[in-house]
Amino acid sequence: MPDSPSSVSATPAPAPGQCDENGLSYSAGPVDAALGHRAFVVTLRNCGTGAKQVSGYPDVTVLNGAGEQLDVRIDHGNSYMARDPGPRSFSLEPGKPLLSVFSWSSTVSEGEKQTGAAVTVAVAGERARTVPVDFIDLGTTGQLSVTAWNTGLLQ
């Protein structure tokens, strides 16, 4: 891990329900917990006037309370808290959402604990937006699992 995290130049997300200049809005739901595991859902909504092409996985970084990027490995796939539908392409119509689950284990072993206060999220080809979250208590794992964009959550 680096001695000091680097700063990220992401643009803060507009207030919930407000579009960015690309006609997209991002929001994070509450953190759910189970047996030392945590997860929250990020919702991407097309609030523009035309369809948006979205595919694969969100581009993600984790920020601490000072807005500095943490050294966190982003994994794509299943986790204890979520099933990954795998990457697909969507033509996201105006008003429609896509979802991605961000999950982690708050295990603490050796090393420094990491705590995030926000994530930067972007669809491919778009500028990242900073999205505040309740908390991301990564413990010492330094790992966040992210599912592909999807129209719903898999059971």
N, C-alpha and C. Protein backbone atom coordinates (compact mmCIF):
# COMPACT_ATOMS: atom_id res chain seq x y z
N MET A 1 0.83 -1.18 0.00
CA MET A 1 0.00 0.00 0.00
C MET A 1 0.88 1.25 0.00
N PRO A 2 0.46 2.28 -0.72
CA PRO A 2 1.26 3.50 -0.71
C PRO A 2 1.18 4.19 0.64
N ASP A 3 2.22 5.00 0.94
CA ASP A 3 2.23 5.73 2.20
C ASP A 3 1.13 6.77 2.27
N SER A 4 0.85 7.43 1.16
CA SER A 4 -0.22 8.42 1.15
C SER A 4 -1.05 8.24 -0.10
N PRO A 5 -2.37 8.11 0.07
CA PRO A 5 -3.24 7.92 -1.09
C PRO A 5 -3.20 9.13 -2.01
N SER A 6 -3.45 8.89 -3.28
CA SER A 6 -3.49 9.99 -4.24
C SER A 6 -4.88 10.60 -4.27
N SER A 7 -4.96 11.84 -4.68
CA SER A 7 -6.26 12.50 -4.81
C SER A 7 -6.88 12.11 -6.14
N VAL A 8 -8.18 12.06 -6.19
CA VAL A 8 -8.91 11.70 -7.39
C VAL A 8 -9.63 12.92 -7.90
N SER A 9 -9.56 13.15 -9.20
CA SER A 9 -10.24 14.31 -9.77
C SER A 9 -11.55 13.87 -10.40
N ALA A 10 -12.47 13.45 -9.56
CA ALA A 10 -13.81 13.10 -10.03
C ALA A 10 -14.73 14.27 -9.71
N THR A 11 -15.75 14.41 -10.50
CA THR A 11 -16.71 15.48 -10.30
C THR A 11 -17.78 15.00 -9.34
N PRO A 12 -18.11 15.78 -8.30
CA PRO A 12 -19.17 15.35 -7.40
C PRO A 12 -20.47 15.11 -8.17
N ALA A 13 -21.18 14.08 -7.73
CA ALA A 13 -22.45 13.78 -8.37
C ALA A 13 -23.45 14.88 -8.05
N PRO A 14 -24.33 15.21 -9.00
CA PRO A 14 -25.39 16.16 -8.69
C PRO A 14 -26.26 15.60 -7.56
N ALA A 15 -27.03 16.43 -6.93
CA ALA A 15 -27.93 15.97 -5.88
C ALA A 15 -28.80 14.85 -6.43
N PRO A 16 -29.22 13.90 -5.55
CA PRO A 16 -30.06 12.80 -6.03
C PRO A 16 -31.22 13.32 -6.88
N GLY A 17 -31.42 12.65 -8.00
CA GLY A 17 -32.50 13.04 -8.90
C GLY A 17 -32.10 14.06 -9.94
N GLN A 18 -30.89 14.60 -9.84
CA GLN A 18 -30.42 15.59 -10.82
C GLN A 18 -29.48 14.93 -11.81
N CYS A 19 -29.61 15.33 -13.06
CA CYS A 19 -28.76 14.79 -14.13
C CYS A 19 -27.40 15.47 -14.16
N ASP A 20 -26.39 14.70 -14.58
CA ASP A 20 -25.11 15.32 -14.92
C ASP A 20 -25.18 15.77 -16.38
N GLU A 21 -24.09 16.30 -16.90
CA GLU A 21 -24.10 16.81 -18.28
C GLU A 21 -24.28 15.71 -19.32
N ASN A 22 -24.12 14.44 -18.92
CA ASN A 22 -24.29 13.32 -19.84
C ASN A 22 -25.69 12.70 -19.77
N GLY A 23 -26.57 13.29 -18.95
CA GLY A 23 -27.92 12.74 -18.81
C GLY A 23 -27.98 11.50 -17.94
N LEU A 24 -27.04 11.38 -16.99
CA LEU A 24 -27.00 10.23 -16.08
C LEU A 24 -27.01 10.72 -14.64
N SER A 25 -27.62 9.93 -13.75
CA SER A 25 -27.52 10.22 -12.33
C SER A 25 -27.12 8.94 -11.61
N TYR A 26 -26.35 9.09 -10.54
CA TYR A 26 -25.87 7.97 -9.74
C TYR A 26 -26.31 8.18 -8.30
N SER A 27 -26.68 7.10 -7.63
CA SER A 27 -26.99 7.17 -6.20
C SER A 27 -26.62 5.85 -5.55
N ALA A 28 -26.34 5.91 -4.25
CA ALA A 28 -26.00 4.71 -3.48
C ALA A 28 -27.05 4.49 -2.42
N GLY A 29 -27.49 3.25 -2.29
CA GLY A 29 -28.44 2.89 -1.26
C GLY A 29 -27.75 2.67 0.07
N PRO A 30 -28.52 2.32 1.10
CA PRO A 30 -27.93 2.09 2.42
C PRO A 30 -27.06 0.83 2.42
N VAL A 31 -26.12 0.79 3.36
CA VAL A 31 -25.25 -0.38 3.51
C VAL A 31 -26.01 -1.45 4.28
N ASP A 32 -26.04 -2.67 3.73
CA ASP A 32 -26.61 -3.83 4.41
C ASP A 32 -25.46 -4.67 4.95
N ALA A 33 -25.66 -5.31 6.11
CA ALA A 33 -24.60 -6.09 6.74
C ALA A 33 -25.09 -7.49 7.08
N ALA A 34 -24.17 -8.47 6.98
CA ALA A 34 -24.47 -9.85 7.35
C ALA A 34 -23.17 -10.59 7.65
N LEU A 35 -23.00 -11.02 8.89
CA LEU A 35 -21.86 -11.86 9.29
C LEU A 35 -20.51 -11.31 8.86
N GLY A 36 -20.29 -10.03 9.06
CA GLY A 36 -19.01 -9.42 8.71
C GLY A 36 -18.88 -9.00 7.26
N HIS A 37 -19.93 -9.20 6.50
CA HIS A 37 -19.94 -8.80 5.09
C HIS A 37 -20.86 -7.60 4.95
N ARG A 38 -20.59 -6.78 3.95
CA ARG A 38 -21.37 -5.56 3.72
C ARG A 38 -21.65 -5.40 2.24
N ALA A 39 -22.71 -4.65 1.93
CA ALA A 39 -23.03 -4.37 0.53
C ALA A 39 -23.96 -3.16 0.44
N PHE A 40 -23.88 -2.47 -0.68
CA PHE A 40 -24.85 -1.44 -1.03
C PHE A 40 -25.05 -1.49 -2.53
N VAL A 41 -26.18 -0.95 -2.97
CA VAL A 41 -26.53 -0.94 -4.39
C VAL A 41 -26.31 0.45 -4.94
N VAL A 42 -25.61 0.52 -6.06
CA VAL A 42 -25.48 1.78 -6.80
C VAL A 42 -26.49 1.75 -7.94
N THR A 43 -27.28 2.80 -8.04
CA THR A 43 -28.28 2.93 -9.10
C THR A 43 -27.81 3.98 -10.10
N LEU A 44 -27.77 3.58 -11.34
CA LEU A 44 -27.48 4.47 -12.47
C LEU A 44 -28.81 4.71 -13.16
N ARG A 45 -29.20 5.96 -13.33
CA ARG A 45 -30.48 6.27 -13.99
C ARG A 45 -30.23 7.18 -15.18
N ASN A 46 -30.91 6.86 -16.29
CA ASN A 46 -30.87 7.72 -17.47
C ASN A 46 -31.91 8.82 -17.24
N CYS A 47 -31.43 10.02 -16.96
CA CYS A 47 -32.34 11.15 -16.76
C CYS A 47 -32.25 12.12 -17.94
N GLY A 48 -31.68 11.63 -19.03
CA GLY A 48 -31.57 12.43 -20.24
C GLY A 48 -32.77 12.22 -21.15
N THR A 49 -32.63 12.64 -22.39
CA THR A 49 -33.74 12.57 -23.34
C THR A 49 -33.61 11.45 -24.36
N GLY A 50 -32.45 10.83 -24.45
CA GLY A 50 -32.25 9.75 -25.41
C GLY A 50 -31.65 8.53 -24.74
N ALA A 51 -31.69 7.40 -25.44
CA ALA A 51 -31.12 6.16 -24.91
C ALA A 51 -29.61 6.30 -24.72
N LYS A 52 -29.09 5.64 -23.69
CA LYS A 52 -27.65 5.62 -23.39
C LYS A 52 -27.17 4.18 -23.51
N GLN A 53 -26.01 3.98 -24.11
CA GLN A 53 -25.43 2.65 -24.21
C GLN A 53 -24.55 2.40 -22.99
N VAL A 54 -24.86 1.33 -22.26
CA VAL A 54 -24.12 0.97 -21.05
C VAL A 54 -23.79 -0.51 -21.13
N SER A 55 -22.56 -0.86 -20.79
CA SER A 55 -22.19 -2.27 -20.82
C SER A 55 -21.16 -2.58 -19.75
N GLY A 56 -21.08 -3.85 -19.41
CA GLY A 56 -20.05 -4.35 -18.52
C GLY A 56 -20.20 -3.92 -17.08
N TYR A 57 -19.08 -3.55 -16.50
CA TYR A 57 -18.98 -3.20 -15.08
C TYR A 57 -18.74 -1.71 -14.90
N PRO A 58 -19.21 -1.14 -13.79
CA PRO A 58 -18.86 0.25 -13.52
C PRO A 58 -17.35 0.37 -13.25
N ASP A 59 -16.78 1.49 -13.65
CA ASP A 59 -15.41 1.83 -13.25
C ASP A 59 -15.51 2.46 -11.86
N VAL A 60 -14.71 1.95 -10.91
CA VAL A 60 -14.89 2.31 -9.51
C VAL A 60 -13.56 2.61 -8.83
N THR A 61 -13.54 3.60 -7.96
CA THR A 61 -12.48 3.80 -6.97
C THR A 61 -13.16 4.10 -5.64
N VAL A 62 -12.44 3.87 -4.55
CA VAL A 62 -12.94 4.15 -3.20
C VAL A 62 -12.17 5.34 -2.64
N LEU A 63 -12.90 6.28 -2.05
CA LEU A 63 -12.30 7.50 -1.48
C LEU A 63 -12.48 7.52 0.03
N ASN A 64 -11.49 8.06 0.72
CA ASN A 64 -11.63 8.25 2.17
C ASN A 64 -12.39 9.55 2.45
N GLY A 65 -12.53 9.90 3.71
CA GLY A 65 -13.29 11.09 4.08
C GLY A 65 -12.70 12.39 3.58
N ALA A 66 -11.40 12.40 3.24
CA ALA A 66 -10.74 13.60 2.70
C ALA A 66 -10.79 13.63 1.18
N GLY A 67 -11.47 12.64 0.57
CA GLY A 67 -11.56 12.61 -0.89
C GLY A 67 -10.35 12.02 -1.57
N GLU A 68 -9.48 11.35 -0.81
CA GLU A 68 -8.29 10.74 -1.38
C GLU A 68 -8.57 9.28 -1.73
N GLN A 69 -8.00 8.84 -2.84
CA GLN A 69 -8.21 7.47 -3.30
C GLN A 69 -7.49 6.49 -2.39
N LEU A 70 -8.22 5.44 -1.97
CA LEU A 70 -7.63 4.38 -1.18
C LEU A 70 -7.06 3.31 -2.10
N ASP A 71 -6.07 2.58 -1.61
CA ASP A 71 -5.47 1.49 -2.37
C ASP A 71 -6.36 0.25 -2.18
N VAL A 72 -7.35 0.11 -3.04
CA VAL A 72 -8.34 -0.96 -2.95
C VAL A 72 -8.38 -1.71 -4.27
N ARG A 73 -8.33 -3.04 -4.18
CA ARG A 73 -8.46 -3.88 -5.37
C ARG A 73 -9.95 -4.04 -5.68
N ILE A 74 -10.32 -3.75 -6.92
CA ILE A 74 -11.71 -3.90 -7.37
C ILE A 74 -11.82 -5.22 -8.12
N ASP A 75 -12.66 -6.12 -7.61
CA ASP A 75 -12.90 -7.42 -8.24
C ASP A 75 -14.27 -7.42 -8.88
N HIS A 76 -14.39 -8.09 -10.00
CA HIS A 76 -15.68 -8.27 -10.67
C HIS A 76 -16.14 -9.70 -10.43
N GLY A 77 -17.41 -9.86 -10.05
CA GLY A 77 -17.94 -11.21 -9.88
C GLY A 77 -18.81 -11.35 -8.66
N ASN A 78 -19.09 -12.62 -8.33
CA ASN A 78 -19.93 -12.95 -7.19
C ASN A 78 -19.24 -12.62 -5.88
N SER A 79 -20.04 -12.42 -4.85
CA SER A 79 -19.53 -12.23 -3.50
C SER A 79 -20.50 -12.90 -2.53
N TYR A 80 -20.17 -12.85 -1.25
CA TYR A 80 -21.06 -13.38 -0.23
C TYR A 80 -22.43 -12.70 -0.29
N MET A 81 -22.45 -11.43 -0.66
CA MET A 81 -23.67 -10.63 -0.62
C MET A 81 -24.41 -10.50 -1.95
N ALA A 82 -23.78 -10.89 -3.06
CA ALA A 82 -24.43 -10.64 -4.36
C ALA A 82 -23.97 -11.64 -5.41
N ARG A 83 -24.89 -11.98 -6.29
CA ARG A 83 -24.57 -12.78 -7.48
C ARG A 83 -24.37 -11.84 -8.65
N ASP A 84 -23.32 -12.11 -9.40
CA ASP A 84 -22.99 -11.28 -10.56
C ASP A 84 -23.66 -11.85 -11.81
N PRO A 85 -24.44 -11.04 -12.53
CA PRO A 85 -25.09 -11.53 -13.75
C PRO A 85 -24.11 -11.67 -14.91
N GLY A 86 -22.91 -11.12 -14.76
CA GLY A 86 -21.94 -11.11 -15.86
C GLY A 86 -22.19 -9.91 -16.76
N PRO A 87 -21.17 -9.51 -17.51
CA PRO A 87 -21.29 -8.31 -18.34
C PRO A 87 -22.27 -8.49 -19.49
N ARG A 88 -23.07 -7.47 -19.70
CA ARG A 88 -24.03 -7.41 -20.81
C ARG A 88 -24.08 -5.98 -21.31
N SER A 89 -24.67 -5.80 -22.47
CA SER A 89 -24.87 -4.46 -23.03
C SER A 89 -26.34 -4.08 -22.92
N PHE A 90 -26.58 -2.82 -22.61
CA PHE A 90 -27.94 -2.31 -22.46
C PHE A 90 -28.10 -1.02 -23.25
N SER A 91 -29.27 -0.84 -23.82
CA SER A 91 -29.68 0.45 -24.34
C SER A 91 -30.62 1.01 -23.28
N LEU A 92 -30.08 1.88 -22.44
CA LEU A 92 -30.82 2.39 -21.28
C LEU A 92 -31.71 3.55 -21.71
N GLU A 93 -32.99 3.31 -21.69
CA GLU A 93 -33.98 4.30 -22.12
C GLU A 93 -34.16 5.38 -21.05
N PRO A 94 -34.61 6.58 -21.44
CA PRO A 94 -34.84 7.66 -20.48
C PRO A 94 -35.74 7.20 -19.33
N GLY A 95 -35.35 7.57 -18.11
CA GLY A 95 -36.11 7.23 -16.91
C GLY A 95 -35.81 5.86 -16.34
N LYS A 96 -35.09 5.03 -17.07
CA LYS A 96 -34.83 3.65 -16.63
C LYS A 96 -33.53 3.56 -15.84
N PRO A 97 -33.48 2.62 -14.85
CA PRO A 97 -32.27 2.45 -14.06
C PRO A 97 -31.52 1.15 -14.40
N LEU A 98 -30.26 1.13 -14.03
CA LEU A 98 -29.46 -0.09 -13.95
C LEU A 98 -28.85 -0.13 -12.56
N LEU A 99 -28.56 -1.34 -12.07
CA LEU A 99 -28.06 -1.53 -10.72
C LEU A 99 -26.73 -2.27 -10.73
N SER A 100 -25.89 -1.99 -9.74
CA SER A 100 -24.67 -2.74 -9.49
C SER A 100 -24.51 -2.85 -7.98
N VAL A 101 -24.11 -4.05 -7.51
CA VAL A 101 -23.91 -4.26 -6.08
C VAL A 101 -22.42 -4.16 -5.76
N PHE A 102 -22.10 -3.34 -4.76
CA PHE A 102 -20.73 -3.17 -4.28
C PHE A 102 -20.67 -3.88 -2.93
N SER A 103 -19.77 -4.84 -2.76
CA SER A 103 -19.74 -5.62 -1.52
C SER A 103 -18.31 -5.87 -1.06
N TRP A 104 -18.17 -6.14 0.23
CA TRP A 104 -16.85 -6.36 0.82
C TRP A 104 -16.99 -7.10 2.14
N SER A 105 -15.86 -7.57 2.65
CA SER A 105 -15.77 -8.17 3.98
C SER A 105 -15.03 -7.18 4.87
N SER A 106 -15.52 -7.00 6.08
CA SER A 106 -14.87 -6.06 6.99
C SER A 106 -13.87 -6.77 7.91
N THR A 107 -13.27 -7.82 7.42
CA THR A 107 -12.29 -8.61 8.18
C THR A 107 -11.09 -7.75 8.58
N VAL A 108 -10.66 -7.93 9.81
CA VAL A 108 -9.47 -7.24 10.30
C VAL A 108 -8.45 -8.28 10.72
N SER A 109 -7.29 -8.25 10.08
CA SER A 109 -6.17 -9.10 10.49
C SER A 109 -4.96 -8.19 10.64
N GLU A 110 -3.89 -8.46 9.96
CA GLU A 110 -2.70 -7.62 10.06
C GLU A 110 -2.77 -6.46 9.08
N GLY A 111 -2.20 -5.34 9.49
CA GLY A 111 -2.17 -4.17 8.62
C GLY A 111 -3.11 -3.09 9.09
N GLU A 112 -3.13 -2.00 8.32
CA GLU A 112 -3.98 -0.86 8.66
C GLU A 112 -5.39 -1.05 8.12
N LYS A 113 -6.37 -0.68 8.96
CA LYS A 113 -7.76 -0.71 8.51
C LYS A 113 -8.00 0.43 7.53
N GLN A 114 -8.86 0.18 6.54
CA GLN A 114 -9.24 1.21 5.57
C GLN A 114 -10.73 1.47 5.68
N THR A 115 -11.09 2.75 5.66
CA THR A 115 -12.50 3.12 5.70
C THR A 115 -12.76 4.14 4.60
N GLY A 116 -13.73 3.82 3.76
CA GLY A 116 -14.12 4.72 2.69
C GLY A 116 -15.37 5.50 3.05
N ALA A 117 -15.51 6.67 2.45
CA ALA A 117 -16.68 7.52 2.67
C ALA A 117 -17.45 7.79 1.39
N ALA A 118 -16.84 7.42 0.25
CA ALA A 118 -17.47 7.67 -1.05
C ALA A 118 -16.82 6.75 -2.08
N VAL A 119 -17.47 6.63 -3.21
CA VAL A 119 -16.90 5.93 -4.36
C VAL A 119 -16.97 6.86 -5.55
N THR A 120 -16.06 6.66 -6.49
CA THR A 120 -16.25 7.28 -7.79
C THR A 120 -16.78 6.19 -8.70
N VAL A 121 -17.76 6.53 -9.51
CA VAL A 121 -18.42 5.56 -10.38
C VAL A 121 -18.53 6.17 -11.77
N ALA A 122 -18.30 5.34 -12.78
CA ALA A 122 -18.47 5.79 -14.16
C ALA A 122 -18.87 4.62 -15.03
N VAL A 123 -19.64 4.90 -16.05
CA VAL A 123 -19.85 3.94 -17.13
C VAL A 123 -18.72 4.17 -18.12
N ALA A 124 -18.41 3.15 -18.90
CA ALA A 124 -17.32 3.26 -19.87
C ALA A 124 -17.50 4.48 -20.76
N GLY A 125 -16.44 5.25 -20.90
CA GLY A 125 -16.47 6.41 -21.78
C GLY A 125 -17.04 7.67 -21.18
N GLU A 126 -17.48 7.63 -19.93
CA GLU A 126 -18.05 8.81 -19.27
C GLU A 126 -17.15 9.23 -18.12
N ARG A 127 -17.29 10.47 -17.67
CA ARG A 127 -16.51 10.98 -16.56
C ARG A 127 -17.02 10.40 -15.24
N ALA A 128 -16.09 10.07 -14.34
CA ALA A 128 -16.45 9.52 -13.03
C ALA A 128 -17.15 10.57 -12.19
N ARG A 129 -18.09 10.11 -11.39
CA ARG A 129 -18.82 10.96 -10.45
C ARG A 129 -18.59 10.45 -9.05
N THR A 130 -18.44 11.35 -8.10
CA THR A 130 -18.28 10.98 -6.70
C THR A 130 -19.65 10.77 -6.08
N VAL A 131 -19.83 9.60 -5.47
CA VAL A 131 -21.10 9.24 -4.85
C VAL A 131 -20.84 8.94 -3.37
N PRO A 132 -21.39 9.74 -2.44
CA PRO A 132 -21.22 9.45 -1.02
C PRO A 132 -21.94 8.17 -0.63
N VAL A 133 -21.37 7.45 0.35
CA VAL A 133 -22.00 6.24 0.88
C VAL A 133 -22.01 6.33 2.40
N ASP A 134 -22.82 5.49 3.04
CA ASP A 134 -22.88 5.48 4.51
C ASP A 134 -21.49 5.25 5.09
N PHE A 135 -20.83 4.19 4.65
CA PHE A 135 -19.48 3.84 5.08
C PHE A 135 -19.02 2.65 4.24
N ILE A 136 -17.71 2.49 4.15
CA ILE A 136 -17.12 1.30 3.54
C ILE A 136 -15.98 0.88 4.47
N ASP A 137 -16.31 0.03 5.44
CA ASP A 137 -15.32 -0.41 6.43
C ASP A 137 -14.63 -1.67 5.92
N LEU A 138 -13.62 -1.47 5.09
CA LEU A 138 -12.94 -2.58 4.42
C LEU A 138 -12.07 -3.42 5.34
N GLY A 139 -11.94 -3.04 6.58
CA GLY A 139 -11.02 -3.76 7.46
C GLY A 139 -9.63 -3.69 6.88
N THR A 140 -8.95 -4.83 6.84
CA THR A 140 -7.60 -4.88 6.25
C THR A 140 -7.59 -5.64 4.93
N THR A 141 -8.77 -5.94 4.38
CA THR A 141 -8.83 -6.74 3.15
C THR A 141 -8.39 -5.97 1.92
N GLY A 142 -8.68 -4.68 1.86
CA GLY A 142 -8.31 -3.88 0.70
C GLY A 142 -8.97 -4.34 -0.58
N GLN A 143 -10.18 -4.90 -0.47
CA GLN A 143 -10.85 -5.49 -1.63
C GLN A 143 -12.33 -5.11 -1.64
N LEU A 144 -12.83 -4.74 -2.83
CA LEU A 144 -14.24 -4.43 -3.04
C LEU A 144 -14.70 -5.22 -4.25
N SER A 145 -15.80 -5.97 -4.11
CA SER A 145 -16.37 -6.72 -5.24
C SER A 145 -17.50 -5.91 -5.85
N VAL A 146 -17.56 -5.90 -7.18
CA VAL A 146 -18.54 -5.12 -7.91
C VAL A 146 -19.20 -6.03 -8.95
N THR A 147 -20.54 -6.00 -9.00
CA THR A 147 -21.24 -6.77 -10.03
C THR A 147 -21.42 -5.92 -11.28
N ALA A 148 -21.69 -6.59 -12.38
CA ALA A 148 -21.96 -5.90 -13.64
C ALA A 148 -23.28 -5.14 -13.53
N TRP A 149 -23.42 -4.11 -14.37
CA TRP A 149 -24.70 -3.40 -14.46
C TRP A 149 -25.78 -4.40 -14.83
N ASN A 150 -26.97 -4.27 -14.23
CA ASN A 150 -28.07 -5.16 -14.53
C ASN A 150 -29.39 -4.43 -14.25
N THR A 151 -30.47 -4.96 -14.80
CA THR A 151 -31.78 -4.33 -14.61
C THR A 151 -32.41 -4.66 -13.26
N GLY A 152 -31.90 -5.65 -12.57
CA GLY A 152 -32.42 -6.03 -11.26
C GLY A 152 -31.37 -6.78 -10.47
N LEU A 153 -31.71 -7.15 -9.25
CA LEU A 153 -30.80 -7.91 -8.40
C LEU A 153 -31.10 -9.39 -8.55
N LEU A 154 -30.06 -10.22 -8.61
CA LEU A 154 -30.23 -11.67 -8.73
C LEU A 154 -30.41 -12.27 -7.35
N GLN A 155 -31.32 -13.21 -7.24
CA GLN A 155 -31.56 -13.90 -5.96
C GLN A 155 -30.73 -15.14 -5.86
